[in-house]
Amino acid sequence: MEFPHHMVDVVEECKISPPLGSVPCTTLPITCFDLNLLTLPPVQRLFFYEFHHSKTHFMATIFPNIKHSLSITLQHFYPLAGNMIWTQESTIPEFFYKEGDAVVLTLAESTYDFDLLTGNQMRDASMFVPLIPKFSATSDEGVVPLLALQVTLFPNKGICIGLAIKHVVADGRTTTHFIKSWSSICRLESDTSLIGNSLPSHDRSTVKHVKPKRITTNLILMEKLGVTKDTFHQIINKRDAQHTVPVGKVRATFVMLSSDITKLKQWVLSKEKEVLHLSSLVVTCAYVWVCLIKARRSTDANVNDEATEYFLVPADARARLKPPLPITYFGNCLDSAVATCKRSELIGEDGIVFAAELISKAIKKMDINDETKEKGLSFYISLPREHLAAVSSSPRFAVYETDYGFGKPKKVEFVSGESISLSECPTVEGGLEIGVVRNKLEMDAFASLFANTLPALS
């Protein structure tokens, strides 16, 4: 596997199953919340850890524990070891696990500059591609694998643990639950005591019949897009065999300090006291959105200031659903706040205030139980990608607390697509880390705006 800057050699490819006899043959019905995300590409995350030991030490002590702890974790998160199927007898796809199903775990080795990969500076987005796990081609007709993993060793430098997971099976909270459970069991050398009180809930009795009309509507739309029970596995597997890392783009990380967030809140409130939900997330998103819009405008002579722009913030809706779901519910349960306005309203003197007010109101209006406000597959497909900024991940997931036994991550990268990733900042208390992907010209403009706009606020 060769890329412009480095080579990654595959050392071993393993198939990891739950312990023999630990999980019965099980089918989980897809819900309307899962079906909304069927057409999305896999979610891809990379966790980088410093590891100043040899390959021999890693192979003898670390990798066997990684594999064994993964097997134990999959006993509880067994749908991830299974597949998505759509039988002729069923009207909707299903998640199906049977004895012997497994997750492909690839072990690779790289000699590339670990410090460059884990920095915040601007880097070619394609350099992360060799570290992203690939879904194996399956010979089973009508089967869609759901999870792929890769561990890449940088001898005497570090380890990268990469995950690719189909969004249709898990949202950010479930994915984080899986990763945190696996890392805990690995750190404690297969002791499951820490996860005993937070095992995933696979009970779908209260959600499998939610919004039946939405399921029907989504299936009709999917059929118009050519996705049927006869074609869905071919379309999804072919799509997911290709990486979703943007081509010709650069990736960089920006940090919003706690003091910056406080200043932004104070400035917004000095201009507009009616903002309903002025959280750290809201002001950070408003700031980033305006900087992105201005950056694109400064590098594209053909932009139309009267075009409509969209900003999407996903939200975990488990607690707001009626009846509510446990926080450990396995699957998808997402709502989203979508702010919309003309570009001209964001580039004015008080654009950040206006953006904060829009995002705040959109969050306040979310109601997953209201059929008139519920957003289905047709809504998400209709959003124009060239005018959409979307947030992925959340600081609440505390990704920098993911410890497999060799310390907390040096860097976590959300590498799928061009969404804006948000996480807690590991080096600054109360700060936020913001991952951005754009073309080089636009990124240069964004970096300048991000650094200089806040100090200029009066």
Protein backbone atom coordinates (compact mmCIF):
# COMPACT_ATOMS: atom_id res chain seq x y z
CA MET A 1 0.00 0.00 0.00
CA GLU A 2 2.00 3.01 -1.23
CA PHE A 3 1.15 6.68 -0.95
CA PRO A 4 3.15 9.81 -1.83
CA HIS A 5 4.62 10.12 1.66
CA HIS A 6 4.76 6.66 3.15
CA MET A 7 4.22 2.95 2.79
CA VAL A 8 2.10 0.73 5.01
CA ASP A 9 2.75 -3.01 4.96
CA VAL A 10 0.05 -5.45 6.02
CA VAL A 11 1.52 -7.83 8.61
CA GLU A 12 -1.49 -9.95 9.48
CA GLU A 13 -5.22 -10.13 8.82
CA CYS A 14 -7.37 -11.69 11.54
CA LYS A 15 -11.03 -12.54 11.87
CA ILE A 16 -12.23 -11.91 15.41
CA SER A 17 -15.48 -13.46 16.64
CA PRO A 18 -17.23 -13.39 20.00
CA PRO A 19 -16.15 -16.34 22.20
CA LEU A 20 -17.52 -19.63 20.90
CA GLY A 21 -21.07 -20.29 22.09
CA SER A 22 -21.39 -16.93 23.86
CA VAL A 23 -24.03 -15.40 21.54
CA PRO A 24 -27.04 -17.17 20.01
CA CYS A 25 -28.15 -16.64 16.42
CA THR A 26 -29.92 -13.25 16.61
CA THR A 27 -31.81 -10.87 14.33
CA LEU A 28 -32.37 -7.18 15.11
CA PRO A 29 -34.95 -5.25 13.08
CA ILE A 30 -33.85 -2.01 11.46
CA THR A 31 -35.63 1.07 12.84
CA CYS A 32 -36.65 4.28 11.10
CA PHE A 33 -33.64 5.97 12.74
CA ASP A 34 -31.27 3.41 11.19
CA LEU A 35 -32.93 3.57 7.80
CA ASN A 36 -32.41 7.35 7.62
CA LEU A 37 -28.66 6.65 7.52
CA LEU A 38 -28.56 3.63 5.18
CA THR A 39 -27.17 5.58 2.23
CA LEU A 40 -24.37 7.30 4.19
CA PRO A 41 -20.77 6.07 3.81
CA PRO A 42 -18.95 4.50 6.78
CA VAL A 43 -17.82 6.58 9.74
CA GLN A 44 -14.02 6.46 10.00
CA ARG A 45 -11.97 7.35 13.08
CA LEU A 46 -8.27 7.09 13.87
CA PHE A 47 -6.87 6.97 17.42
CA PHE A 48 -3.12 7.67 17.68
CA TYR A 49 -1.11 6.58 20.74
CA GLU A 50 2.54 7.08 21.62
CA PHE A 51 4.24 3.71 22.02
CA HIS A 52 8.03 3.68 22.44
CA HIS A 53 8.60 -0.06 22.13
CA SER A 54 9.78 -2.48 19.47
CA LYS A 55 7.70 -4.54 17.10
CA THR A 56 8.82 -7.68 18.95
CA HIS A 57 7.46 -6.35 22.24
CA PHE A 58 4.22 -5.29 20.58
CA MET A 59 3.64 -8.66 18.92
CA ALA A 60 4.43 -10.61 22.09
CA THR A 61 2.45 -8.61 24.64
CA ILE A 62 0.14 -5.95 23.16
CA PHE A 63 -1.42 -7.40 20.03
CA PRO A 64 -2.61 -10.68 21.62
CA ASN A 65 -4.41 -8.65 24.28
CA ILE A 66 -5.96 -6.36 21.66
CA LYS A 67 -7.38 -9.40 19.84
CA HIS A 68 -8.61 -11.20 22.94
CA SER A 69 -10.25 -8.09 24.42
CA LEU A 70 -11.96 -7.41 21.07
CA SER A 71 -13.46 -10.90 21.09
CA ILE A 72 -14.86 -10.37 24.59
CA THR A 73 -16.21 -6.94 23.64
CA LEU A 74 -17.97 -8.37 20.57
CA GLN A 75 -19.83 -10.77 22.85
CA HIS A 76 -21.75 -7.73 24.08
CA PHE A 77 -21.70 -5.75 20.81
CA TYR A 78 -22.44 -8.82 18.68
CA PRO A 79 -24.37 -7.05 15.86
CA LEU A 80 -21.04 -5.50 14.82
CA ALA A 81 -19.62 -8.98 14.21
CA GLY A 82 -22.67 -9.84 12.12
CA ASN A 83 -23.99 -8.40 8.87
CA MET A 84 -26.89 -6.46 7.43
CA ILE A 85 -29.13 -8.65 5.28
CA TRP A 86 -32.38 -8.20 3.38
CA THR A 87 -34.14 -11.50 2.84
CA GLN A 88 -36.89 -12.08 0.30
CA GLU A 89 -39.30 -12.74 3.18
CA SER A 90 -38.62 -9.39 4.89
CA THR A 91 -39.92 -5.96 3.90
CA ILE A 92 -36.91 -4.18 5.44
CA PRO A 93 -33.21 -4.94 5.99
CA GLU A 94 -32.15 -6.60 9.25
CA PHE A 95 -29.01 -6.98 11.36
CA PHE A 96 -28.20 -10.68 11.61
CA TYR A 97 -25.60 -12.48 13.72
CA LYS A 98 -24.82 -16.19 13.58
CA GLU A 99 -22.12 -18.34 15.16
CA GLY A 100 -18.83 -17.86 13.33
CA ASP A 101 -19.49 -14.30 12.11
CA ALA A 102 -16.43 -12.13 12.63
CA VAL A 103 -14.89 -8.68 12.32
CA VAL A 104 -11.79 -8.30 10.13
CA LEU A 105 -8.89 -6.86 12.13
CA THR A 106 -5.85 -5.88 10.07
CA LEU A 107 -2.40 -5.43 11.58
CA ALA A 108 -0.11 -3.16 9.58
CA GLU A 109 3.27 -1.50 9.99
CA SER A 110 4.38 1.95 8.89
CA THR A 111 7.65 3.88 8.92
CA TYR A 112 6.02 7.25 8.31
CA ASP A 113 6.54 10.34 10.47
CA PHE A 114 4.25 9.68 13.44
CA ASP A 115 4.62 13.25 14.73
CA LEU A 116 3.43 14.72 11.43
CA LEU A 117 0.36 12.50 11.42
CA THR A 118 -0.53 13.55 14.97
CA GLY A 119 0.01 17.28 14.59
CA ASN A 120 -2.55 20.05 14.19
CA GLN A 121 -0.90 21.60 11.15
CA MET A 122 -2.22 21.47 7.61
CA ARG A 123 -1.65 18.06 5.97
CA ASP A 124 -2.70 16.30 2.80
CA ALA A 125 -5.94 14.47 3.71
CA SER A 126 -4.90 11.48 1.59
CA MET A 127 -1.98 10.62 3.88
CA PHE A 128 -4.44 9.06 6.34
CA VAL A 129 -5.90 6.63 3.78
CA PRO A 130 -3.44 3.73 4.43
CA LEU A 131 -4.40 3.80 8.12
CA ILE A 132 -8.15 3.41 7.51
CA PRO A 133 -9.49 -0.16 7.74
CA LYS A 134 -11.08 -1.65 4.65
CA PHE A 135 -14.20 -3.76 4.45
CA SER A 136 -13.42 -7.20 3.08
CA ALA A 137 -15.17 -8.38 -0.05
CA THR A 138 -17.68 -11.00 1.04
CA SER A 139 -18.65 -13.97 -1.07
CA ASP A 140 -22.04 -14.26 0.63
CA GLU A 141 -24.82 -12.95 -1.59
CA GLY A 142 -26.90 -10.22 0.04
CA VAL A 143 -24.56 -9.65 3.00
CA VAL A 144 -23.20 -6.25 4.14
CA PRO A 145 -20.43 -6.30 6.81
CA LEU A 146 -20.79 -3.58 9.42
CA LEU A 147 -17.39 -3.04 11.07
CA ALA A 148 -13.72 -3.11 10.03
CA LEU A 149 -10.68 -2.44 12.23
CA GLN A 150 -6.99 -1.80 11.65
CA VAL A 151 -4.07 -1.48 14.05
CA THR A 152 -1.01 0.19 12.52
CA LEU A 153 2.30 -0.01 14.37
CA PHE A 154 4.96 2.67 14.06
CA PRO A 155 7.87 0.78 15.74
CA ASN A 156 9.32 2.68 18.71
CA LYS A 157 7.04 5.62 17.88
CA GLY A 158 3.35 4.85 18.18
CA ILE A 159 0.18 2.92 17.41
CA CYS A 160 -2.85 3.92 15.37
CA ILE A 161 -6.17 2.13 15.97
CA GLY A 162 -8.51 2.75 13.05
CA LEU A 163 -12.23 2.05 12.88
CA ALA A 164 -14.69 2.05 9.98
CA ILE A 165 -18.31 1.43 10.91
CA LYS A 166 -21.52 1.61 8.88
CA HIS A 167 -23.63 4.50 10.13
CA VAL A 168 -26.77 2.42 9.56
CA VAL A 169 -25.86 0.21 12.55
CA ALA A 170 -24.55 2.77 15.05
CA ASP A 171 -24.58 6.48 15.78
CA GLY A 172 -21.76 8.35 17.51
CA ARG A 173 -22.87 7.40 21.01
CA THR A 174 -23.05 3.68 20.21
CA THR A 175 -19.73 3.76 18.35
CA THR A 176 -18.07 5.53 21.28
CA HIS A 177 -19.67 3.05 23.70
CA PHE A 178 -18.11 0.19 21.73
CA ILE A 179 -14.68 1.82 21.56
CA LYS A 180 -14.66 2.75 25.26
CA SER A 181 -15.78 -0.76 26.25
CA TRP A 182 -13.11 -2.41 24.09
CA SER A 183 -10.37 -0.10 25.40
CA SER A 184 -11.45 -0.71 29.02
CA ILE A 185 -11.39 -4.50 28.64
CA CYS A 186 -8.01 -4.29 26.87
CA ARG A 187 -6.54 -2.01 29.54
CA LEU A 188 -7.73 -4.34 32.31
CA GLU A 189 -6.48 -7.42 30.43
CA SER A 190 -9.93 -8.90 29.73
CA ASP A 191 -11.51 -7.90 33.06
CA THR A 192 -15.07 -6.76 32.22
CA SER A 193 -15.92 -5.36 35.66
CA LEU A 194 -15.84 -1.72 34.56
CA ILE A 195 -18.39 -2.21 31.79
CA GLY A 196 -20.72 -4.44 33.81
CA ASN A 197 -23.09 -1.59 34.62
CA SER A 198 -23.09 -0.12 31.12
CA LEU A 199 -23.63 -3.03 28.77
CA PRO A 200 -25.36 -2.17 25.47
CA SER A 201 -29.13 -2.53 25.35
CA HIS A 202 -30.38 -4.40 22.28
CA ASP A 203 -34.05 -4.13 23.26
CA ARG A 204 -35.89 -2.54 20.31
CA SER A 205 -39.41 -3.29 21.53
CA THR A 206 -40.19 0.40 22.06
CA VAL A 207 -38.65 1.68 18.82
CA LYS A 208 -39.18 -0.96 16.14
CA HIS A 209 -42.73 0.27 15.52
CA VAL A 210 -41.91 4.00 15.80
CA LYS A 211 -42.85 6.06 12.73
CA PRO A 212 -43.96 3.20 10.42
CA LYS A 213 -44.98 5.73 7.77
CA ARG A 214 -41.43 7.10 7.75
CA ILE A 215 -40.04 3.60 7.11
CA THR A 216 -42.42 3.15 4.18
CA THR A 217 -41.52 6.57 2.77
CA ASN A 218 -37.80 5.85 3.08
CA LEU A 219 -38.15 2.49 1.33
CA ILE A 220 -40.02 4.10 -1.57
CA LEU A 221 -37.32 6.75 -1.91
CA MET A 222 -34.55 4.13 -1.74
CA GLU A 223 -36.23 2.18 -4.54
CA LYS A 224 -36.24 5.34 -6.68
CA LEU A 225 -32.49 5.57 -6.02
CA GLY A 226 -32.06 1.97 -7.15
CA VAL A 227 -31.60 0.52 -3.65
CA THR A 228 -33.80 -2.58 -3.32
CA LYS A 229 -33.52 -5.91 -1.53
CA ASP A 230 -31.88 -7.32 -4.68
CA THR A 231 -29.33 -4.52 -5.15
CA PHE A 232 -28.66 -2.96 -1.76
CA HIS A 233 -25.70 -5.20 -0.83
CA GLN A 234 -23.98 -4.62 -4.19
CA ILE A 235 -24.44 -0.84 -4.04
CA ILE A 236 -23.33 -0.48 -0.42
CA ASN A 237 -20.39 -2.90 -0.61
CA LYS A 238 -19.10 -1.29 -3.80
CA ARG A 239 -19.42 2.19 -2.29
CA ASP A 240 -17.73 1.22 0.98
CA ALA A 241 -14.84 -0.51 -0.76
CA GLN A 242 -13.81 2.98 -1.86
CA HIS A 243 -12.41 5.41 0.69
CA THR A 244 -14.43 8.51 1.50
CA VAL A 245 -11.35 10.62 2.30
CA PRO A 246 -11.66 13.79 0.19
CA VAL A 247 -9.35 13.97 -2.83
CA GLY A 248 -7.20 17.05 -3.33
CA LYS A 249 -8.01 18.41 0.14
CA VAL A 250 -6.01 19.25 3.24
CA ARG A 251 -6.86 18.55 6.87
CA ALA A 252 -6.05 20.73 9.88
CA THR A 253 -7.04 21.03 13.54
CA PHE A 254 -7.90 24.29 15.29
CA VAL A 255 -8.28 24.91 19.02
CA MET A 256 -10.87 27.13 20.68
CA LEU A 257 -9.66 28.05 24.16
CA SER A 258 -12.02 28.27 27.12
CA SER A 259 -11.26 31.99 27.33
CA ASP A 260 -12.11 32.36 23.62
CA ILE A 261 -15.47 30.67 24.18
CA THR A 262 -16.24 32.94 27.15
CA LYS A 263 -15.36 36.02 25.10
CA LEU A 264 -17.57 34.85 22.23
CA LYS A 265 -20.52 34.27 24.58
CA GLN A 266 -20.12 37.69 26.15
CA TRP A 267 -19.85 39.37 22.75
CA VAL A 268 -22.93 37.62 21.36
CA LEU A 269 -24.99 38.48 24.46
CA SER A 270 -23.89 42.11 24.25
CA LYS A 271 -25.44 42.23 20.78
CA GLU A 272 -28.43 39.93 21.18
CA LYS A 273 -29.85 39.01 24.58
CA GLU A 274 -32.65 36.83 23.17
CA VAL A 275 -30.42 33.89 22.24
CA LEU A 276 -32.15 30.93 23.83
CA HIS A 277 -29.40 28.33 24.07
CA LEU A 278 -25.97 29.95 24.13
CA SER A 279 -23.75 26.96 24.90
CA SER A 280 -20.06 26.49 24.10
CA LEU A 281 -21.17 24.31 21.18
CA VAL A 282 -23.46 27.00 19.77
CA VAL A 283 -20.92 29.85 19.81
CA THR A 284 -18.13 27.62 18.49
CA CYS A 285 -20.31 26.38 15.63
CA ALA A 286 -21.42 29.93 14.83
CA TYR A 287 -17.81 31.14 14.73
CA VAL A 288 -16.62 28.25 12.56
CA TRP A 289 -19.59 28.54 10.19
CA VAL A 290 -19.00 32.23 9.53
CA CYS A 291 -15.25 31.73 9.06
CA LEU A 292 -15.92 28.90 6.57
CA ILE A 293 -18.41 30.99 4.59
CA LYS A 294 -16.04 33.96 4.43
CA ALA A 295 -13.13 31.71 3.44
CA ARG A 296 -15.06 30.18 0.56
CA ARG A 297 -16.25 33.61 -0.53
CA SER A 298 -12.69 35.01 -0.57
CA THR A 299 -11.39 32.21 -2.79
CA ASP A 300 -14.27 31.83 -5.26
CA ALA A 301 -15.13 34.73 -7.53
CA ASN A 302 -18.40 33.10 -8.58
CA VAL A 303 -20.05 32.81 -5.17
CA ASN A 304 -23.63 34.04 -4.90
CA ASP A 305 -24.25 35.94 -1.67
CA GLU A 306 -27.98 35.32 -2.00
CA ALA A 307 -27.53 31.52 -1.98
CA THR A 308 -29.01 29.64 0.97
CA GLU A 309 -26.52 28.11 3.41
CA TYR A 310 -27.21 25.23 5.81
CA PHE A 311 -25.57 24.24 9.11
CA LEU A 312 -26.43 20.83 10.61
CA VAL A 313 -25.82 19.76 14.20
CA PRO A 314 -26.78 16.14 15.06
CA ALA A 315 -28.11 15.41 18.54
CA ASP A 316 -28.59 12.25 20.57
CA ALA A 317 -32.36 11.88 21.08
CA ARG A 318 -32.45 8.83 23.39
CA ALA A 319 -33.56 10.81 26.45
CA ARG A 320 -36.09 12.89 24.48
CA LEU A 321 -37.88 10.02 22.77
CA LYS A 322 -41.25 9.03 24.27
CA PRO A 323 -40.82 6.64 25.96
CA PRO A 324 -37.11 7.43 26.44
CA LEU A 325 -34.37 4.96 25.56
CA PRO A 326 -31.49 4.08 27.89
CA ILE A 327 -28.24 5.89 27.20
CA THR A 328 -26.74 2.46 26.40
CA TYR A 329 -29.27 1.73 23.62
CA PHE A 330 -27.40 0.10 20.71
CA GLY A 331 -28.17 1.63 17.32
CA ASN A 332 -29.14 5.03 15.99
CA CYS A 333 -31.33 7.56 17.72
CA LEU A 334 -30.48 10.93 16.24
CA ASP A 335 -32.29 14.15 15.64
CA SER A 336 -30.69 17.17 14.01
CA ALA A 337 -30.84 20.92 14.24
CA VAL A 338 -30.54 22.62 10.85
CA ALA A 339 -29.96 26.36 10.64
CA THR A 340 -30.59 28.04 7.27
CA CYS A 341 -30.09 31.56 5.94
CA LYS A 342 -28.77 33.54 3.00
CA ARG A 343 -25.00 33.80 2.79
CA SER A 344 -25.23 37.60 2.88
CA GLU A 345 -26.63 37.41 6.41
CA LEU A 346 -23.53 35.57 7.65
CA ILE A 347 -20.85 37.80 6.14
CA GLY A 348 -22.08 41.03 7.72
CA GLU A 349 -20.62 42.74 10.77
CA ASP A 350 -22.81 40.75 13.16
CA GLY A 351 -22.73 37.49 11.19
CA ILE A 352 -21.51 35.46 14.18
CA VAL A 353 -24.35 36.78 16.34
CA PHE A 354 -26.86 35.97 13.62
CA ALA A 355 -25.40 32.46 13.19
CA ALA A 356 -25.49 31.83 16.95
CA GLU A 357 -29.12 32.89 17.12
CA LEU A 358 -30.07 30.64 14.17
CA ILE A 359 -28.26 27.58 15.57
CA SER A 360 -29.67 28.20 19.06
CA LYS A 361 -33.23 28.40 17.77
CA ALA A 362 -32.79 25.32 15.58
CA ILE A 363 -31.63 23.31 18.61
CA LYS A 364 -34.51 24.62 20.70
CA LYS A 365 -37.05 23.63 18.03
CA MET A 366 -35.90 20.01 17.79
CA ASP A 367 -38.66 17.56 18.73
CA ILE A 368 -38.14 13.99 17.61
CA ASN A 369 -41.65 13.06 18.78
CA ASP A 370 -43.36 15.61 16.52
CA GLU A 371 -44.13 14.05 13.14
CA THR A 372 -44.26 17.50 11.53
CA LYS A 373 -40.67 18.25 12.61
CA GLU A 374 -39.17 14.79 12.01
CA LYS A 375 -36.47 14.68 9.35
CA GLY A 376 -36.32 11.60 7.15
CA LEU A 377 -34.09 10.33 4.38
CA SER A 378 -35.63 12.64 1.77
CA PHE A 379 -34.76 15.71 3.88
CA TYR A 380 -31.09 14.78 4.27
CA ILE A 381 -30.74 13.86 0.59
CA SER A 382 -32.24 17.22 -0.39
CA LEU A 383 -29.58 19.28 1.39
CA PRO A 384 -27.17 20.76 -1.20
CA ARG A 385 -23.69 19.49 -0.29
CA GLU A 386 -21.93 22.55 -1.72
CA HIS A 387 -23.85 24.79 0.70
CA LEU A 388 -23.90 22.48 3.73
CA ALA A 389 -21.64 22.55 6.78
CA ALA A 390 -22.27 19.61 9.12
CA VAL A 391 -20.86 18.73 12.52
CA SER A 392 -19.69 15.21 13.35
CA SER A 393 -18.81 13.75 16.72
CA SER A 394 -19.28 15.62 20.01
CA PRO A 395 -17.09 16.84 22.89
CA ARG A 396 -19.42 14.88 25.17
CA PHE A 397 -18.00 11.62 23.82
CA ALA A 398 -14.65 12.37 25.54
CA VAL A 399 -12.67 10.52 22.87
CA TYR A 400 -9.38 11.49 24.50
CA GLU A 401 -10.26 9.30 27.49
CA THR A 402 -9.97 6.14 25.32
CA ASP A 403 -7.12 4.21 26.96
CA TYR A 404 -6.22 0.67 25.81
CA GLY A 405 -3.46 0.34 28.39
CA PHE A 406 -0.76 2.42 26.72
CA GLY A 407 -2.05 5.83 27.75
CA LYS A 408 -4.55 8.32 26.41
CA PRO A 409 -4.51 9.23 22.71
CA LYS A 410 -2.07 11.79 21.43
CA LYS A 411 -4.49 12.59 18.63
CA VAL A 412 -7.94 11.50 17.44
CA GLU A 413 -8.92 12.17 13.83
CA PHE A 414 -12.40 11.88 12.31
CA VAL A 415 -11.39 11.20 8.71
CA SER A 416 -14.60 10.46 6.80
CA GLY A 417 -15.98 13.11 4.50
CA GLU A 418 -15.69 16.87 4.91
CA SER A 419 -17.75 17.38 8.06
CA ILE A 420 -16.53 19.55 10.93
CA SER A 421 -15.36 17.35 13.79
CA LEU A 422 -15.67 18.59 17.36
CA SER A 423 -14.03 17.04 20.40
CA GLU A 424 -12.65 18.04 23.76
CA CYS A 425 -9.12 19.47 23.63
CA PRO A 426 -6.67 17.12 25.38
CA THR A 427 -4.14 19.86 26.19
CA VAL A 428 -6.40 22.76 27.20
CA GLU A 429 -8.95 22.50 30.02
CA GLY A 430 -12.39 23.51 28.78
CA GLY A 431 -11.16 23.99 25.22
CA LEU A 432 -12.52 22.47 22.02
CA GLU A 433 -10.67 20.83 19.13
CA ILE A 434 -12.08 21.51 15.66
CA GLY A 435 -11.15 19.39 12.66
CA VAL A 436 -11.62 20.94 9.22
CA VAL A 437 -11.10 19.63 5.66
CA ARG A 438 -10.97 22.00 2.70
CA ASN A 439 -8.93 22.71 -0.41
CA LYS A 440 -5.59 24.42 0.24
CA LEU A 441 -6.63 27.94 -0.78
CA GLU A 442 -9.81 27.83 1.27
CA MET A 443 -7.99 26.36 4.28
CA ASP A 444 -5.40 29.13 4.20
CA ALA A 445 -8.18 31.71 4.20
CA PHE A 446 -10.06 29.89 6.98
CA ALA A 447 -6.93 29.62 9.17
CA SER A 448 -6.38 33.38 8.88
CA LEU A 449 -10.01 34.18 9.67
CA PHE A 450 -10.11 31.74 12.59
CA ALA A 451 -6.99 33.28 14.13
CA ASN A 452 -7.79 36.95 13.53
CA THR A 453 -11.58 37.37 13.76
CA LEU A 454 -11.94 36.81 17.49
CA PRO A 455 -9.20 39.28 18.60
CA ALA A 456 -10.86 41.91 16.40
CA LEU A 457 -14.28 41.65 18.13
CA SER A 458 -15.00 44.72 20.22
